[in-house]
Amino acid sequence: PHIEGPWSDPTYINSSGFDPSLFHDDDGRK
């Protein structure tokens, strides 16, 4: 919720490659 944390436990996403990123579109989709 804040940059200082608390930071959550991780959610596993995939293993198909590296250098992931997340984009938040202006329609609310990620």
PDB file of all heavy atoms in Angstrom:
ATOM      1  N   PRO A   1       0.815  -1.215   0.000  1.00  0.00           N
ATOM      2  CA  PRO A   1       0.000   0.000   0.000  1.00  0.00           C
ATOM      3  C   PRO A   1       0.846   1.261   0.000  1.00  0.00           C
ATOM      4  O   PRO A   1       0.400   2.318  -0.457  1.00  0.00           O
ATOM      5  CB  PRO A   1      -0.820  -0.124   1.284  1.00  0.00           C
ATOM      6  CG  PRO A   1       0.005  -1.002   2.171  1.00  0.00           C
ATOM      7  CD  PRO A   1       0.702  -1.964   1.260  1.00  0.00           C
ATOM      8  N   HIS A   2       2.043   1.152   0.539  1.00  0.00           N
ATOM      9  CA  HIS A   2       2.994   2.265   0.589  1.00  0.00           C
ATOM     10  C   HIS A   2       4.364   1.746   0.165  1.00  0.00           C
ATOM     11  O   HIS A   2       4.655   0.560   0.316  1.00  0.00           O
ATOM     12  CB  HIS A   2       3.069   2.869   1.996  1.00  0.00           C
ATOM     13  CG  HIS A   2       1.730   3.183   2.589  1.00  0.00           C
ATOM     14  ND1 HIS A   2       0.970   4.273   2.199  1.00  0.00           N
ATOM     15  CD2 HIS A   2       0.999   2.535   3.535  1.00  0.00           C
ATOM     16  CE1 HIS A   2      -0.165   4.285   2.878  1.00  0.00           C
ATOM     17  NE2 HIS A   2      -0.172   3.239   3.696  1.00  0.00           N
ATOM     18  N   ILE A   3       5.214   2.626  -0.325  1.00  0.00           N
ATOM     19  CA  ILE A   3       6.512   2.180  -0.820  1.00  0.00           C
ATOM     20  C   ILE A   3       7.331   1.527   0.287  1.00  0.00           C
ATOM     21  O   ILE A   3       8.097   0.587   0.055  1.00  0.00           O
ATOM     22  CB  ILE A   3       7.295   3.349  -1.470  1.00  0.00           C
ATOM     23  CG1 ILE A   3       8.515   2.830  -2.234  1.00  0.00           C
ATOM     24  CG2 ILE A   3       7.672   4.396  -0.428  1.00  0.00           C
ATOM     25  CD1 ILE A   3       8.185   2.024  -3.476  1.00  0.00           C
ATOM     26  N   GLU A   4       7.157   2.004   1.528  1.00  0.00           N
ATOM     27  CA  GLU A   4       7.900   1.417   2.631  1.00  0.00           C
ATOM     28  C   GLU A   4       7.352   0.056   3.041  1.00  0.00           C
ATOM     29  O   GLU A   4       7.954  -0.641   3.851  1.00  0.00           O
ATOM     30  CB  GLU A   4       7.874   2.351   3.844  1.00  0.00           C
ATOM     31  CG  GLU A   4       8.581   3.694   3.653  1.00  0.00           C
ATOM     32  CD  GLU A   4       7.681   4.734   2.985  1.00  0.00           C
ATOM     33  OE1 GLU A   4       6.504   4.398   2.688  1.00  0.00           O
ATOM     34  OE2 GLU A   4       8.153   5.862   2.764  1.00  0.00           O
ATOM     35  N   GLY A   5       6.179  -0.318   2.514  1.00  0.00           N
ATOM     36  CA  GLY A   5       5.572  -1.591   2.846  1.00  0.00           C
ATOM     37  C   GLY A   5       4.345  -1.425   3.717  1.00  0.00           C
ATOM     38  O   GLY A   5       3.837  -0.314   3.886  1.00  0.00           O
ATOM     39  N   PRO A   6       3.843  -2.547   4.254  1.00  0.00           N
ATOM     40  CA  PRO A   6       4.431  -3.885   4.143  1.00  0.00           C
ATOM     41  C   PRO A   6       4.247  -4.478   2.750  1.00  0.00           C
ATOM     42  O   PRO A   6       3.185  -4.316   2.128  1.00  0.00           O
ATOM     43  CB  PRO A   6       3.644  -4.684   5.188  1.00  0.00           C
ATOM     44  CG  PRO A   6       2.318  -3.983   5.275  1.00  0.00           C
ATOM     45  CD  PRO A   6       2.617  -2.520   5.069  1.00  0.00           C
ATOM     46  N   TRP A   7       5.287  -5.177   2.277  1.00  0.00           N
ATOM     47  CA  TRP A   7       5.242  -5.839   0.985  1.00  0.00           C
ATOM     48  C   TRP A   7       4.723  -7.259   1.160  1.00  0.00           C
ATOM     49  O   TRP A   7       5.103  -7.972   2.074  1.00  0.00           O
ATOM     50  CB  TRP A   7       6.621  -5.827   0.336  1.00  0.00           C
ATOM     51  CG  TRP A   7       6.974  -4.462  -0.181  1.00  0.00           C
ATOM     52  CD1 TRP A   7       7.577  -3.456   0.520  1.00  0.00           C
ATOM     53  CD2 TRP A   7       6.704  -3.953  -1.480  1.00  0.00           C
ATOM     54  NE1 TRP A   7       7.700  -2.345  -0.266  1.00  0.00           N
ATOM     55  CE2 TRP A   7       7.178  -2.617  -1.508  1.00  0.00           C
ATOM     56  CE3 TRP A   7       6.117  -4.480  -2.630  1.00  0.00           C
ATOM     57  CZ2 TRP A   7       7.077  -1.813  -2.646  1.00  0.00           C
ATOM     58  CZ3 TRP A   7       6.017  -3.682  -3.761  1.00  0.00           C
ATOM     59  CH2 TRP A   7       6.495  -2.367  -3.764  1.00  0.00           C
ATOM     60  N   SER A   8       3.847  -7.655   0.273  1.00  0.00           N
ATOM     61  CA  SER A   8       3.150  -8.932   0.379  1.00  0.00           C
ATOM     62  C   SER A   8       4.082 -10.106   0.101  1.00  0.00           C
ATOM     63  O   SER A   8       5.196  -9.941  -0.410  1.00  0.00           O
ATOM     64  CB  SER A   8       2.000  -8.972  -0.625  1.00  0.00           C
ATOM     65  OG  SER A   8       2.505  -9.024  -1.963  1.00  0.00           O
ATOM     66  N   ASP A   9       3.596 -11.299   0.422  1.00  0.00           N
ATOM     67  CA  ASP A   9       4.225 -12.501  -0.091  1.00  0.00           C
ATOM     68  C   ASP A   9       4.011 -12.545  -1.599  1.00  0.00           C
ATOM     69  O   ASP A   9       3.048 -11.971  -2.128  1.00  0.00           O
ATOM     70  CB  ASP A   9       3.631 -13.746   0.569  1.00  0.00           C
ATOM     71  CG  ASP A   9       4.200 -13.982   1.958  1.00  0.00           C
ATOM     72  OD1 ASP A   9       5.213 -13.342   2.314  1.00  0.00           O
ATOM     73  OD2 ASP A   9       3.626 -14.797   2.701  1.00  0.00           O
ATOM     74  N   PRO A  10       4.872 -13.230  -2.325  1.00  0.00           N
ATOM     75  CA  PRO A  10       4.793 -13.190  -3.783  1.00  0.00           C
ATOM     76  C   PRO A  10       3.659 -14.024  -4.356  1.00  0.00           C
ATOM     77  O   PRO A  10       3.282 -15.060  -3.802  1.00  0.00           O
ATOM     78  CB  PRO A  10       6.155 -13.746  -4.223  1.00  0.00           C
ATOM     79  CG  PRO A  10       6.613 -14.577  -3.073  1.00  0.00           C
ATOM     80  CD  PRO A  10       6.079 -13.929  -1.845  1.00  0.00           C
ATOM     81  N   THR A  11       3.144 -13.555  -5.475  1.00  0.00           N
ATOM     82  CA  THR A  11       2.233 -14.323  -6.321  1.00  0.00           C
ATOM     83  C   THR A  11       3.026 -14.831  -7.520  1.00  0.00           C
ATOM     84  O   THR A  11       3.615 -14.039  -8.263  1.00  0.00           O
ATOM     85  CB  THR A  11       1.065 -13.453  -6.812  1.00  0.00           C
ATOM     86  OG1 THR A  11       0.300 -13.003  -5.698  1.00  0.00           O
ATOM     87  CG2 THR A  11       0.170 -14.235  -7.765  1.00  0.00           C
ATOM     88  N   TYR A  12       3.054 -16.152  -7.675  1.00  0.00           N
ATOM     89  CA  TYR A  12       3.772 -16.720  -8.817  1.00  0.00           C
ATOM     90  C   TYR A  12       2.998 -16.455 -10.098  1.00  0.00           C
ATOM     91  O   TYR A  12       1.770 -16.602 -10.148  1.00  0.00           O
ATOM     92  CB  TYR A  12       3.963 -18.228  -8.629  1.00  0.00           C
ATOM     93  CG  TYR A  12       4.472 -18.920  -9.877  1.00  0.00           C
ATOM     94  CD1 TYR A  12       5.807 -18.786 -10.271  1.00  0.00           C
ATOM     95  CD2 TYR A  12       3.615 -19.660 -10.679  1.00  0.00           C
ATOM     96  CE1 TYR A  12       6.274 -19.396 -11.417  1.00  0.00           C
ATOM     97  CE2 TYR A  12       4.069 -20.274 -11.831  1.00  0.00           C
ATOM     98  CZ  TYR A  12       5.403 -20.145 -12.205  1.00  0.00           C
ATOM     99  OH  TYR A  12       5.866 -20.743 -13.346  1.00  0.00           O
ATOM    100  N   ILE A  13       3.724 -16.056 -11.174  1.00  0.00           N
ATOM    101  CA  ILE A  13       3.068 -15.710 -12.426  1.00  0.00           C
ATOM    102  C   ILE A  13       3.379 -16.719 -13.536  1.00  0.00           C
ATOM    103  O   ILE A  13       2.491 -17.372 -14.055  1.00  0.00           O
ATOM    104  CB  ILE A  13       3.467 -14.291 -12.887  1.00  0.00           C
ATOM    105  CG1 ILE A  13       3.153 -13.269 -11.779  1.00  0.00           C
ATOM    106  CG2 ILE A  13       2.731 -13.936 -14.175  1.00  0.00           C
ATOM    107  CD1 ILE A  13       1.685 -13.201 -11.389  1.00  0.00           C
ATOM    108  N   ASN A  14       4.629 -16.847 -13.916  1.00  0.00           N
ATOM    109  CA  ASN A  14       5.001 -17.792 -14.967  1.00  0.00           C
ATOM    110  C   ASN A  14       6.511 -18.030 -14.956  1.00  0.00           C
ATOM    111  O   ASN A  14       7.227 -17.439 -14.136  1.00  0.00           O
ATOM    112  CB  ASN A  14       4.531 -17.321 -16.358  1.00  0.00           C
ATOM    113  CG  ASN A  14       5.261 -16.067 -16.833  1.00  0.00           C
ATOM    114  OD1 ASN A  14       6.287 -15.660 -16.299  1.00  0.00           O
ATOM    115  ND2 ASN A  14       4.709 -15.440 -17.865  1.00  0.00           N
ATOM    116  N   SER A  15       6.966 -18.880 -15.870  1.00  0.00           N
ATOM    117  CA  SER A  15       8.403 -19.178 -15.969  1.00  0.00           C
ATOM    118  C   SER A  15       8.846 -19.255 -17.421  1.00  0.00           C
ATOM    119  O   SER A  15       9.852 -19.896 -17.729  1.00  0.00           O
ATOM    120  CB  SER A  15       8.716 -20.511 -15.265  1.00  0.00           C
ATOM    121  OG  SER A  15       8.364 -20.481 -13.899  1.00  0.00           O
ATOM    122  N   SER A  16       8.137 -18.602 -18.320  1.00  0.00           N
ATOM    123  CA  SER A  16       8.404 -18.726 -19.755  1.00  0.00           C
ATOM    124  C   SER A  16       9.557 -17.859 -20.235  1.00  0.00           C
ATOM    125  O   SER A  16       9.991 -17.986 -21.387  1.00  0.00           O
ATOM    126  CB  SER A  16       7.139 -18.391 -20.552  1.00  0.00           C
ATOM    127  OG  SER A  16       6.694 -17.074 -20.268  1.00  0.00           O
ATOM    128  N   GLY A  17      10.036 -16.980 -19.395  1.00  0.00           N
ATOM    129  CA  GLY A  17      11.137 -16.097 -19.752  1.00  0.00           C
ATOM    130  C   GLY A  17      11.379 -15.132 -18.617  1.00  0.00           C
ATOM    131  O   GLY A  17      10.692 -15.167 -17.599  1.00  0.00           O
ATOM    132  N   PHE A  18      12.336 -14.247 -18.780  1.00  0.00           N
ATOM    133  CA  PHE A  18      12.712 -13.350 -17.690  1.00  0.00           C
ATOM    134  C   PHE A  18      12.400 -11.896 -18.053  1.00  0.00           C
ATOM    135  O   PHE A  18      11.744 -11.610 -19.037  1.00  0.00           O
ATOM    136  CB  PHE A  18      14.187 -13.538 -17.329  1.00  0.00           C
ATOM    137  CG  PHE A  18      15.128 -13.530 -18.508  1.00  0.00           C
ATOM    138  CD1 PHE A  18      15.632 -12.343 -18.998  1.00  0.00           C
ATOM    139  CD2 PHE A  18      15.510 -14.721 -19.114  1.00  0.00           C
ATOM    140  CE1 PHE A  18      16.505 -12.321 -20.079  1.00  0.00           C
ATOM    141  CE2 PHE A  18      16.383 -14.716 -20.203  1.00  0.00           C
ATOM    142  CZ  PHE A  18      16.880 -13.520 -20.692  1.00  0.00           C
ATOM    143  N   ASP A  19      12.857 -10.981 -17.212  1.00  0.00           N
ATOM    144  CA  ASP A  19      12.631  -9.539 -17.389  1.00  0.00           C
ATOM    145  C   ASP A  19      11.143  -9.197 -17.484  1.00  0.00           C
ATOM    146  O   ASP A  19      10.685  -8.586 -18.459  1.00  0.00           O
ATOM    147  CB  ASP A  19      13.346  -9.019 -18.635  1.00  0.00           C
ATOM    148  CG  ASP A  19      14.852  -8.972 -18.478  1.00  0.00           C
ATOM    149  OD1 ASP A  19      15.345  -9.472 -17.446  1.00  0.00           O
ATOM    150  OD2 ASP A  19      15.535  -8.455 -19.383  1.00  0.00           O
ATOM    151  N   PRO A  20      10.350  -9.535 -16.489  1.00  0.00           N
ATOM    152  CA  PRO A  20       8.913  -9.253 -16.551  1.00  0.00           C
ATOM    153  C   PRO A  20       8.606  -7.795 -16.231  1.00  0.00           C
ATOM    154  O   PRO A  20       9.391  -7.098 -15.585  1.00  0.00           O
ATOM    155  CB  PRO A  20       8.342 -10.165 -15.475  1.00  0.00           C
ATOM    156  CG  PRO A  20       9.432 -10.219 -14.441  1.00  0.00           C
ATOM    157  CD  PRO A  20      10.728 -10.205 -15.229  1.00  0.00           C
ATOM    158  N   SER A  21       7.449  -7.354 -16.701  1.00  0.00           N
ATOM    159  CA  SER A  21       6.949  -6.036 -16.306  1.00  0.00           C
ATOM    160  C   SER A  21       5.429  -6.093 -16.285  1.00  0.00           C
ATOM    161  O   SER A  21       4.806  -7.010 -16.826  1.00  0.00           O
ATOM    162  CB  SER A  21       7.436  -4.939 -17.260  1.00  0.00           C
ATOM    163  OG  SER A  21       6.907  -5.118 -18.554  1.00  0.00           O
ATOM    164  N   LEU A  22       4.825  -5.088 -15.648  1.00  0.00           N
ATOM    165  CA  LEU A  22       3.372  -5.011 -15.510  1.00  0.00           C
ATOM    166  C   LEU A  22       2.916  -3.634 -15.983  1.00  0.00           C
ATOM    167  O   LEU A  22       3.457  -2.614 -15.555  1.00  0.00           O
ATOM    168  CB  LEU A  22       2.965  -5.236 -14.062  1.00  0.00           C
ATOM    169  CG  LEU A  22       1.465  -5.400 -13.781  1.00  0.00           C
ATOM    170  CD1 LEU A  22       0.926  -6.665 -14.440  1.00  0.00           C
ATOM    171  CD2 LEU A  22       1.206  -5.431 -12.278  1.00  0.00           C
ATOM    172  N   PHE A  23       1.917  -3.619 -16.870  1.00  0.00           N
ATOM    173  CA  PHE A  23       1.385  -2.380 -17.412  1.00  0.00           C
ATOM    174  C   PHE A  23      -0.074  -2.225 -16.987  1.00  0.00           C
ATOM    175  O   PHE A  23      -0.879  -3.138 -17.160  1.00  0.00           O
ATOM    176  CB  PHE A  23       1.484  -2.371 -18.938  1.00  0.00           C
ATOM    177  CG  PHE A  23       0.776  -1.220 -19.594  1.00  0.00           C
ATOM    178  CD1 PHE A  23       1.244   0.079 -19.428  1.00  0.00           C
ATOM    179  CD2 PHE A  23      -0.356  -1.424 -20.375  1.00  0.00           C
ATOM    180  CE1 PHE A  23       0.589   1.153 -20.025  1.00  0.00           C
ATOM    181  CE2 PHE A  23      -1.013  -0.367 -20.978  1.00  0.00           C
ATOM    182  CZ  PHE A  23      -0.537   0.930 -20.798  1.00  0.00           C
ATOM    183  N   HIS A  24      -0.404  -1.053 -16.435  1.00  0.00           N
ATOM    184  CA  HIS A  24      -1.762  -0.745 -15.999  1.00  0.00           C
ATOM    185  C   HIS A  24      -2.400   0.156 -17.058  1.00  0.00           C
ATOM    186  O   HIS A  24      -2.069   1.343 -17.164  1.00  0.00           O
ATOM    187  CB  HIS A  24      -1.740  -0.034 -14.643  1.00  0.00           C
ATOM    188  CG  HIS A  24      -0.875  -0.715 -13.621  1.00  0.00           C
ATOM    189  ND1 HIS A  24      -1.283  -1.816 -12.907  1.00  0.00           N
ATOM    190  CD2 HIS A  24       0.405  -0.457 -13.217  1.00  0.00           C
ATOM    191  CE1 HIS A  24      -0.305  -2.200 -12.092  1.00  0.00           C
ATOM    192  NE2 HIS A  24       0.713  -1.387 -12.268  1.00  0.00           N
ATOM    193  N   ASP A  25      -3.309  -0.402 -17.832  1.00  0.00           N
ATOM    194  CA  ASP A  25      -3.931   0.376 -18.901  1.00  0.00           C
ATOM    195  C   ASP A  25      -4.986   1.321 -18.306  1.00  0.00           C
ATOM    196  O   ASP A  25      -5.475   1.124 -17.182  1.00  0.00           O
ATOM    197  CB  ASP A  25      -4.567  -0.556 -19.930  1.00  0.00           C
ATOM    198  CG  ASP A  25      -4.603   0.072 -21.320  1.00  0.00           C
ATOM    199  OD1 ASP A  25      -4.484   1.306 -21.415  1.00  0.00           O
ATOM    200  OD2 ASP A  25      -4.745  -0.682 -22.303  1.00  0.00           O
ATOM    201  N   ASP A  26      -5.357   2.346 -19.087  1.00  0.00           N
ATOM    202  CA  ASP A  26      -6.298   3.340 -18.558  1.00  0.00           C
ATOM    203  C   ASP A  26      -7.736   2.841 -18.528  1.00  0.00           C
ATOM    204  O   ASP A  26      -8.618   3.528 -18.018  1.00  0.00           O
ATOM    205  CB  ASP A  26      -6.195   4.653 -19.345  1.00  0.00           C
ATOM    206  CG  ASP A  26      -6.246   4.458 -20.846  1.00  0.00           C
ATOM    207  OD1 ASP A  26      -6.742   3.394 -21.295  1.00  0.00           O
ATOM    208  OD2 ASP A  26      -5.796   5.357 -21.578  1.00  0.00           O
ATOM    209  N   ASP A  27      -7.988   1.638 -19.053  1.00  0.00           N
ATOM    210  CA  ASP A  27      -9.312   1.041 -18.925  1.00  0.00           C
ATOM    211  C   ASP A  27      -9.418   0.109 -17.723  1.00  0.00           C
ATOM    212  O   ASP A  27     -10.430  -0.575 -17.544  1.00  0.00           O
ATOM    213  CB  ASP A  27      -9.686   0.286 -20.204  1.00  0.00           C
ATOM    214  CG  ASP A  27      -8.746  -0.887 -20.500  1.00  0.00           C
ATOM    215  OD1 ASP A  27      -7.803  -1.121 -19.706  1.00  0.00           O
ATOM    216  OD2 ASP A  27      -8.949  -1.555 -21.537  1.00  0.00           O
ATOM    217  N   GLY A  28      -8.352   0.077 -16.892  1.00  0.00           N
ATOM    218  CA  GLY A  28      -8.350  -0.736 -15.683  1.00  0.00           C
ATOM    219  C   GLY A  28      -7.766  -2.123 -15.850  1.00  0.00           C
ATOM    220  O   GLY A  28      -7.524  -2.816 -14.846  1.00  0.00           O
ATOM    221  N   ARG A  29      -7.507  -2.544 -17.077  1.00  0.00           N
ATOM    222  CA  ARG A  29      -6.931  -3.869 -17.289  1.00  0.00           C
ATOM    223  C   ARG A  29      -5.422  -3.832 -17.042  1.00  0.00           C
ATOM    224  O   ARG A  29      -4.780  -2.784 -17.212  1.00  0.00           O
ATOM    225  CB  ARG A  29      -7.231  -4.363 -18.705  1.00  0.00           C
ATOM    226  CG  ARG A  29      -8.719  -4.489 -18.987  1.00  0.00           C
ATOM    227  CD  ARG A  29      -8.991  -4.781 -20.452  1.00  0.00           C
ATOM    228  NE  ARG A  29      -8.738  -6.185 -20.788  1.00  0.00           N
ATOM    229  CZ  ARG A  29      -8.903  -6.693 -22.021  1.00  0.00           C
ATOM    230  NH1 ARG A  29      -9.299  -5.893 -23.014  1.00  0.00           N
ATOM    231  NH2 ARG A  29      -8.669  -7.967 -22.260  1.00  0.00           N
ATOM    232  N   LYS A  30      -4.887  -4.968 -16.646  1.00  0.00           N
ATOM    233  CA  LYS A  30      -3.458  -5.088 -16.365  1.00  0.00           C
ATOM    234  C   LYS A  30      -2.851  -6.129 -17.296  1.00  0.00           C
ATOM    235  O   LYS A  30      -3.439  -7.191 -17.539  1.00  0.00           O
ATOM    236  CB  LYS A  30      -3.221  -5.465 -14.903  1.00  0.00           C
ATOM    237  CG  LYS A  30      -3.787  -4.436 -13.913  1.00  0.00           C
ATOM    238  CD  LYS A  30      -3.475  -4.812 -12.479  1.00  0.00           C
ATOM    239  CE  LYS A  30      -4.177  -3.861 -11.502  1.00  0.00           C
ATOM    240  NZ  LYS A  30      -3.771  -2.459 -11.668  1.00  0.00           N
TER     241      LYS A  30
END
